[in-house]
Every structure is written in structure tokens, then in C-alpha cells.
Amino acid sequence: MESVTTTNSHFTDSGLFGLSIVGSRDAAGDLGKVLVEELAGLKKGITDEELQRAKNILKINILLALERQSDRLEEIVKNVRTLICIRGSSTRYSASSSSRNTWRW
């Protein structure tokens, strides 16, 4: 296995969870088995230690992302898109000319 990435988007009425595993073609069968076993293992629950570790990793990733301008912009766009969904698709928005960080709704 070379790498594993996850995707998690959650909303009030639905969500999306995905996994991506990269590895050699020869190990594809084994990688698939490991993936299924790990997902099945989630039914058993997680320990407090695993939960705390996941929270710590999340905090670190958020703080590291705040250091990269492209990640900050991506987070702003996600928040704007979420707000548009909450307010309805007919919401009009524009950037304020007086400040780069101000949005008018």
C-alpha cells in the first residue's frame, strides 16, 4: 500500500464518505480485503484512545491548512457554498469593494 486518502462531506440531510487506496496492481486483491476488514471493524466501535488520536490529527490538519493560502481560500469557498445552500439557491452575493474579506448578502 502506497497511500490512503479519505473524503468526508456531511450536510444536515445527507453526506458522502469515500476511501482511496493506492498500491501495486499485484496487491489489489489484498488491498481490497484489508479495506473491507477495516470497514467491518468499525461496527465494533472505537476506543477512547482512538477517538482522541483522531481528534488530535484533525486539529493538527486544520492548523496546518490555515497556514496555506490556497487551503484558506478553499475553506472560504466551501463555507460560501454551504451558506448559499442554507439560504437557498436564489441568494445573490458579491464581494464588497471596500474590503477583500467582506461579503454582502
N, C-alpha and C. Protein backbone atom coordinates (compact mmCIF):
# COMPACT_ATOMS: atom_id res chain seq x y z
N MET A 1 0.84 -1.16 0.00
CA MET A 1 0.00 0.00 0.00
C MET A 1 0.90 1.23 0.00
N GLU A 2 0.63 2.14 -0.93
CA GLU A 2 1.42 3.35 -1.02
C GLU A 2 0.79 4.52 -0.28
N SER A 3 -0.52 4.66 -0.40
CA SER A 3 -1.19 5.75 0.31
C SER A 3 -2.68 5.45 0.46
N VAL A 4 -3.28 6.12 1.43
CA VAL A 4 -4.71 6.02 1.67
C VAL A 4 -5.22 7.43 1.91
N THR A 5 -6.30 7.80 1.24
CA THR A 5 -6.93 9.10 1.49
C THR A 5 -8.42 8.87 1.70
N THR A 6 -9.01 9.78 2.44
CA THR A 6 -10.45 9.69 2.70
C THR A 6 -11.12 10.99 2.30
N THR A 7 -12.40 10.90 2.04
CA THR A 7 -13.23 12.06 1.74
C THR A 7 -14.43 11.99 2.66
N ASN A 8 -14.76 13.10 3.29
CA ASN A 8 -15.93 13.14 4.15
C ASN A 8 -16.58 14.51 4.03
N SER A 9 -17.79 14.52 3.50
CA SER A 9 -18.58 15.74 3.42
C SER A 9 -19.91 15.43 4.08
N HIS A 10 -20.28 16.24 5.04
CA HIS A 10 -21.55 15.98 5.72
C HIS A 10 -22.43 17.21 5.69
N PHE A 11 -23.70 16.96 5.57
CA PHE A 11 -24.69 18.01 5.49
C PHE A 11 -25.81 17.66 6.47
N THR A 12 -26.81 18.50 6.57
CA THR A 12 -27.90 18.22 7.51
C THR A 12 -28.78 17.07 7.04
N ASP A 13 -28.86 16.84 5.73
CA ASP A 13 -29.76 15.80 5.23
C ASP A 13 -29.06 14.64 4.53
N SER A 14 -27.77 14.75 4.28
CA SER A 14 -27.05 13.68 3.59
C SER A 14 -25.56 13.83 3.82
N GLY A 15 -24.80 12.98 3.19
CA GLY A 15 -23.36 13.07 3.31
C GLY A 15 -22.66 12.18 2.30
N LEU A 16 -21.35 12.28 2.29
CA LEU A 16 -20.54 11.49 1.38
C LEU A 16 -19.28 11.06 2.12
N PHE A 17 -18.99 9.77 2.06
CA PHE A 17 -17.78 9.23 2.65
C PHE A 17 -17.11 8.37 1.60
N GLY A 18 -15.82 8.54 1.41
CA GLY A 18 -15.12 7.75 0.41
C GLY A 18 -13.70 7.45 0.83
N LEU A 19 -13.17 6.37 0.28
CA LEU A 19 -11.80 5.95 0.53
C LEU A 19 -11.09 5.74 -0.79
N SER A 20 -9.82 6.07 -0.81
CA SER A 20 -9.00 5.82 -1.98
C SER A 20 -7.70 5.18 -1.51
N ILE A 21 -7.40 4.02 -2.06
CA ILE A 21 -6.17 3.31 -1.69
C ILE A 21 -5.31 3.17 -2.94
N VAL A 22 -4.04 3.52 -2.80
CA VAL A 22 -3.10 3.41 -3.92
C VAL A 22 -2.08 2.34 -3.59
N GLY A 23 -1.90 1.43 -4.52
CA GLY A 23 -0.93 0.36 -4.32
C GLY A 23 -0.64 -0.32 -5.64
N SER A 24 0.18 -1.33 -5.59
CA SER A 24 0.53 -2.03 -6.83
C SER A 24 -0.63 -2.88 -7.32
N ARG A 25 -0.66 -3.09 -8.60
CA ARG A 25 -1.71 -3.89 -9.23
C ARG A 25 -1.70 -5.32 -8.66
N ASP A 26 -0.52 -5.83 -8.38
CA ASP A 26 -0.40 -7.19 -7.86
C ASP A 26 -1.03 -7.35 -6.49
N ALA A 27 -1.10 -6.27 -5.71
CA ALA A 27 -1.64 -6.35 -4.35
C ALA A 27 -3.10 -5.90 -4.28
N ALA A 28 -3.74 -5.67 -5.42
CA ALA A 28 -5.10 -5.13 -5.43
C ALA A 28 -6.07 -6.01 -4.64
N GLY A 29 -5.98 -7.31 -4.79
CA GLY A 29 -6.87 -8.21 -4.06
C GLY A 29 -6.68 -8.10 -2.56
N ASP A 30 -5.43 -8.08 -2.13
CA ASP A 30 -5.13 -7.95 -0.70
C ASP A 30 -5.58 -6.59 -0.16
N LEU A 31 -5.37 -5.55 -0.94
CA LEU A 31 -5.80 -4.21 -0.50
C LEU A 31 -7.31 -4.16 -0.33
N GLY A 32 -8.03 -4.76 -1.25
CA GLY A 32 -9.49 -4.80 -1.15
C GLY A 32 -9.95 -5.54 0.09
N LYS A 33 -9.30 -6.66 0.40
CA LYS A 33 -9.65 -7.43 1.60
C LYS A 33 -9.39 -6.62 2.86
N VAL A 34 -8.25 -5.96 2.92
CA VAL A 34 -7.91 -5.13 4.09
C VAL A 34 -8.93 -4.02 4.26
N LEU A 35 -9.31 -3.39 3.16
CA LEU A 35 -10.30 -2.31 3.21
C LEU A 35 -11.62 -2.80 3.77
N VAL A 36 -12.10 -3.92 3.27
CA VAL A 36 -13.38 -4.47 3.75
C VAL A 36 -13.28 -4.85 5.22
N GLU A 37 -12.18 -5.46 5.63
CA GLU A 37 -11.99 -5.85 7.04
C GLU A 37 -12.00 -4.62 7.96
N GLU A 38 -11.31 -3.56 7.54
CA GLU A 38 -11.25 -2.35 8.36
C GLU A 38 -12.63 -1.69 8.48
N LEU A 39 -13.35 -1.63 7.37
CA LEU A 39 -14.69 -1.05 7.42
C LEU A 39 -15.63 -1.90 8.28
N ALA A 40 -15.53 -3.22 8.18
CA ALA A 40 -16.35 -4.11 9.01
C ALA A 40 -15.99 -3.94 10.48
N GLY A 41 -14.73 -3.69 10.76
CA GLY A 41 -14.28 -3.50 12.14
C GLY A 41 -14.87 -2.26 12.78
N LEU A 42 -15.33 -1.30 11.98
CA LEU A 42 -15.94 -0.10 12.54
C LEU A 42 -17.25 -0.40 13.27
N LYS A 43 -17.88 -1.52 12.94
CA LYS A 43 -19.11 -1.91 13.63
C LYS A 43 -18.87 -2.17 15.11
N LYS A 44 -17.66 -2.55 15.44
CA LYS A 44 -17.31 -2.85 16.84
C LYS A 44 -17.15 -1.57 17.67
N GLY A 45 -17.02 -0.45 16.99
CA GLY A 45 -16.79 0.80 17.70
C GLY A 45 -15.30 1.09 17.83
N ILE A 46 -14.99 2.24 18.39
CA ILE A 46 -13.59 2.61 18.57
C ILE A 46 -13.35 2.90 20.05
N THR A 47 -12.10 2.80 20.43
CA THR A 47 -11.74 3.06 21.82
C THR A 47 -11.63 4.57 22.05
N ASP A 48 -11.65 4.97 23.30
CA ASP A 48 -11.45 6.38 23.64
C ASP A 48 -10.10 6.87 23.14
N GLU A 49 -9.10 6.00 23.21
CA GLU A 49 -7.76 6.36 22.74
C GLU A 49 -7.76 6.64 21.24
N GLU A 50 -8.45 5.80 20.46
CA GLU A 50 -8.53 6.02 19.01
C GLU A 50 -9.28 7.30 18.69
N LEU A 51 -10.35 7.57 19.45
CA LEU A 51 -11.11 8.80 19.23
C LEU A 51 -10.25 10.03 19.53
N GLN A 52 -9.51 10.01 20.62
CA GLN A 52 -8.66 11.14 20.97
C GLN A 52 -7.56 11.34 19.94
N ARG A 53 -7.00 10.24 19.44
CA ARG A 53 -5.96 10.33 18.41
C ARG A 53 -6.54 10.97 17.15
N ALA A 54 -7.74 10.57 16.74
CA ALA A 54 -8.37 11.14 15.56
C ALA A 54 -8.65 12.62 15.75
N LYS A 55 -9.09 13.01 16.94
CA LYS A 55 -9.35 14.43 17.22
C LYS A 55 -8.06 15.23 17.13
N ASN A 56 -6.98 14.69 17.67
CA ASN A 56 -5.69 15.38 17.62
C ASN A 56 -5.19 15.55 16.18
N ILE A 57 -5.35 14.51 15.38
CA ILE A 57 -4.94 14.58 13.97
C ILE A 57 -5.77 15.63 13.24
N LEU A 58 -7.07 15.67 13.51
CA LEU A 58 -7.94 16.66 12.88
C LEU A 58 -7.51 18.08 13.25
N LYS A 59 -7.23 18.30 14.52
CA LYS A 59 -6.79 19.63 14.95
C LYS A 59 -5.50 20.05 14.25
N ILE A 60 -4.56 19.13 14.16
CA ILE A 60 -3.29 19.43 13.50
C ILE A 60 -3.51 19.75 12.03
N ASN A 61 -4.35 18.96 11.36
CA ASN A 61 -4.61 19.20 9.94
C ASN A 61 -5.28 20.54 9.71
N ILE A 62 -6.19 20.93 10.59
CA ILE A 62 -6.85 22.23 10.46
C ILE A 62 -5.84 23.35 10.64
N LEU A 63 -5.00 23.25 11.66
CA LEU A 63 -3.99 24.29 11.90
C LEU A 63 -2.98 24.38 10.76
N LEU A 64 -2.57 23.25 10.23
CA LEU A 64 -1.64 23.28 9.10
C LEU A 64 -2.29 23.87 7.86
N ALA A 65 -3.57 23.57 7.66
CA ALA A 65 -4.27 24.11 6.50
C ALA A 65 -4.41 25.62 6.58
N LEU A 66 -4.52 26.16 7.78
CA LEU A 66 -4.64 27.60 7.93
C LEU A 66 -3.38 28.33 7.51
N GLU A 67 -2.26 27.61 7.44
CA GLU A 67 -1.01 28.23 7.05
C GLU A 67 -0.86 28.36 5.54
N ARG A 68 -1.66 27.63 4.78
CA ARG A 68 -1.57 27.67 3.32
C ARG A 68 -2.71 28.52 2.76
N GLN A 69 -2.36 29.53 1.97
CA GLN A 69 -3.35 30.45 1.43
C GLN A 69 -4.38 29.72 0.57
N SER A 70 -3.94 28.77 -0.24
CA SER A 70 -4.87 28.06 -1.11
C SER A 70 -5.89 27.27 -0.30
N ASP A 71 -5.46 26.71 0.85
CA ASP A 71 -6.39 25.97 1.70
C ASP A 71 -7.37 26.91 2.38
N ARG A 72 -6.92 28.10 2.76
CA ARG A 72 -7.83 29.08 3.37
C ARG A 72 -8.90 29.48 2.36
N LEU A 73 -8.49 29.71 1.12
CA LEU A 73 -9.43 30.09 0.08
C LEU A 73 -10.44 28.97 -0.16
N GLU A 74 -9.95 27.74 -0.21
CA GLU A 74 -10.86 26.60 -0.41
C GLU A 74 -11.88 26.51 0.72
N GLU A 75 -11.46 26.73 1.94
CA GLU A 75 -12.36 26.68 3.08
C GLU A 75 -13.40 27.80 3.01
N ILE A 76 -12.98 28.98 2.57
CA ILE A 76 -13.92 30.10 2.41
C ILE A 76 -14.97 29.74 1.36
N VAL A 77 -14.53 29.18 0.24
CA VAL A 77 -15.47 28.82 -0.83
C VAL A 77 -16.45 27.76 -0.34
N LYS A 78 -15.98 26.77 0.41
CA LYS A 78 -16.88 25.75 0.96
C LYS A 78 -17.92 26.40 1.87
N ASN A 79 -17.49 27.33 2.70
CA ASN A 79 -18.42 27.99 3.61
C ASN A 79 -19.45 28.82 2.85
N VAL A 80 -19.01 29.52 1.81
CA VAL A 80 -19.93 30.32 1.00
C VAL A 80 -20.93 29.40 0.31
N ARG A 81 -20.47 28.31 -0.26
CA ARG A 81 -21.38 27.37 -0.93
C ARG A 81 -22.38 26.78 0.05
N THR A 82 -21.93 26.46 1.25
CA THR A 82 -22.82 25.93 2.27
C THR A 82 -23.87 26.96 2.65
N LEU A 83 -23.45 28.20 2.83
CA LEU A 83 -24.39 29.26 3.18
C LEU A 83 -25.42 29.47 2.08
N ILE A 84 -24.98 29.40 0.83
CA ILE A 84 -25.91 29.53 -0.29
C ILE A 84 -26.94 28.41 -0.25
N CYS A 85 -26.50 27.19 0.04
CA CYS A 85 -27.43 26.06 0.14
C CYS A 85 -28.42 26.26 1.28
N ILE A 86 -27.94 26.79 2.39
CA ILE A 86 -28.81 27.01 3.55
C ILE A 86 -29.83 28.10 3.25
N ARG A 87 -29.39 29.18 2.63
CA ARG A 87 -30.27 30.32 2.35
C ARG A 87 -31.13 30.10 1.11
N GLY A 88 -30.75 29.17 0.28
CA GLY A 88 -31.49 28.92 -0.96
C GLY A 88 -30.69 29.34 -2.16
N SER A 89 -30.93 28.70 -3.26
CA SER A 89 -30.13 28.95 -4.46
C SER A 89 -30.39 30.31 -5.07
N SER A 90 -31.44 31.01 -4.66
CA SER A 90 -31.73 32.32 -5.24
C SER A 90 -30.94 33.44 -4.58
N THR A 91 -30.13 33.12 -3.56
CA THR A 91 -29.34 34.14 -2.87
C THR A 91 -28.32 34.76 -3.82
N ARG A 92 -28.23 36.06 -3.81
CA ARG A 92 -27.24 36.78 -4.62
C ARG A 92 -26.13 37.24 -3.69
N TYR A 93 -24.92 37.15 -4.14
CA TYR A 93 -23.80 37.59 -3.33
C TYR A 93 -22.78 38.29 -4.20
N SER A 94 -22.01 39.17 -3.56
CA SER A 94 -20.93 39.86 -4.28
C SER A 94 -19.88 40.28 -3.28
N ALA A 95 -18.67 40.36 -3.74
CA ALA A 95 -17.58 40.81 -2.88
C ALA A 95 -17.70 42.31 -2.69
N SER A 96 -17.46 42.75 -1.49
CA SER A 96 -17.50 44.18 -1.19
C SER A 96 -16.27 44.85 -1.77
N SER A 97 -16.46 46.02 -2.35
CA SER A 97 -15.32 46.73 -2.90
C SER A 97 -14.48 47.39 -1.82
N SER A 98 -15.05 47.57 -0.61
CA SER A 98 -14.32 48.25 0.44
C SER A 98 -13.36 47.33 1.18
N SER A 99 -13.62 46.04 1.15
CA SER A 99 -12.75 45.12 1.88
C SER A 99 -12.74 43.78 1.17
N ARG A 100 -11.58 43.20 1.01
CA ARG A 100 -11.48 41.90 0.36
C ARG A 100 -12.12 40.80 1.17
N ASN A 101 -12.24 40.96 2.48
CA ASN A 101 -12.74 39.90 3.34
C ASN A 101 -14.20 40.05 3.73
N THR A 102 -14.92 40.94 3.09
CA THR A 102 -16.30 41.20 3.42
C THR A 102 -17.21 40.73 2.30
N TRP A 103 -18.27 40.02 2.64
CA TRP A 103 -19.25 39.57 1.67
C TRP A 103 -20.57 40.21 1.98
N ARG A 104 -21.28 40.66 0.96
CA ARG A 104 -22.61 41.24 1.14
C ARG A 104 -23.65 40.24 0.65
N TRP A 105 -24.67 40.03 1.45
CA TRP A 105 -25.72 39.06 1.11
C TRP A 105 -27.02 39.77 0.96
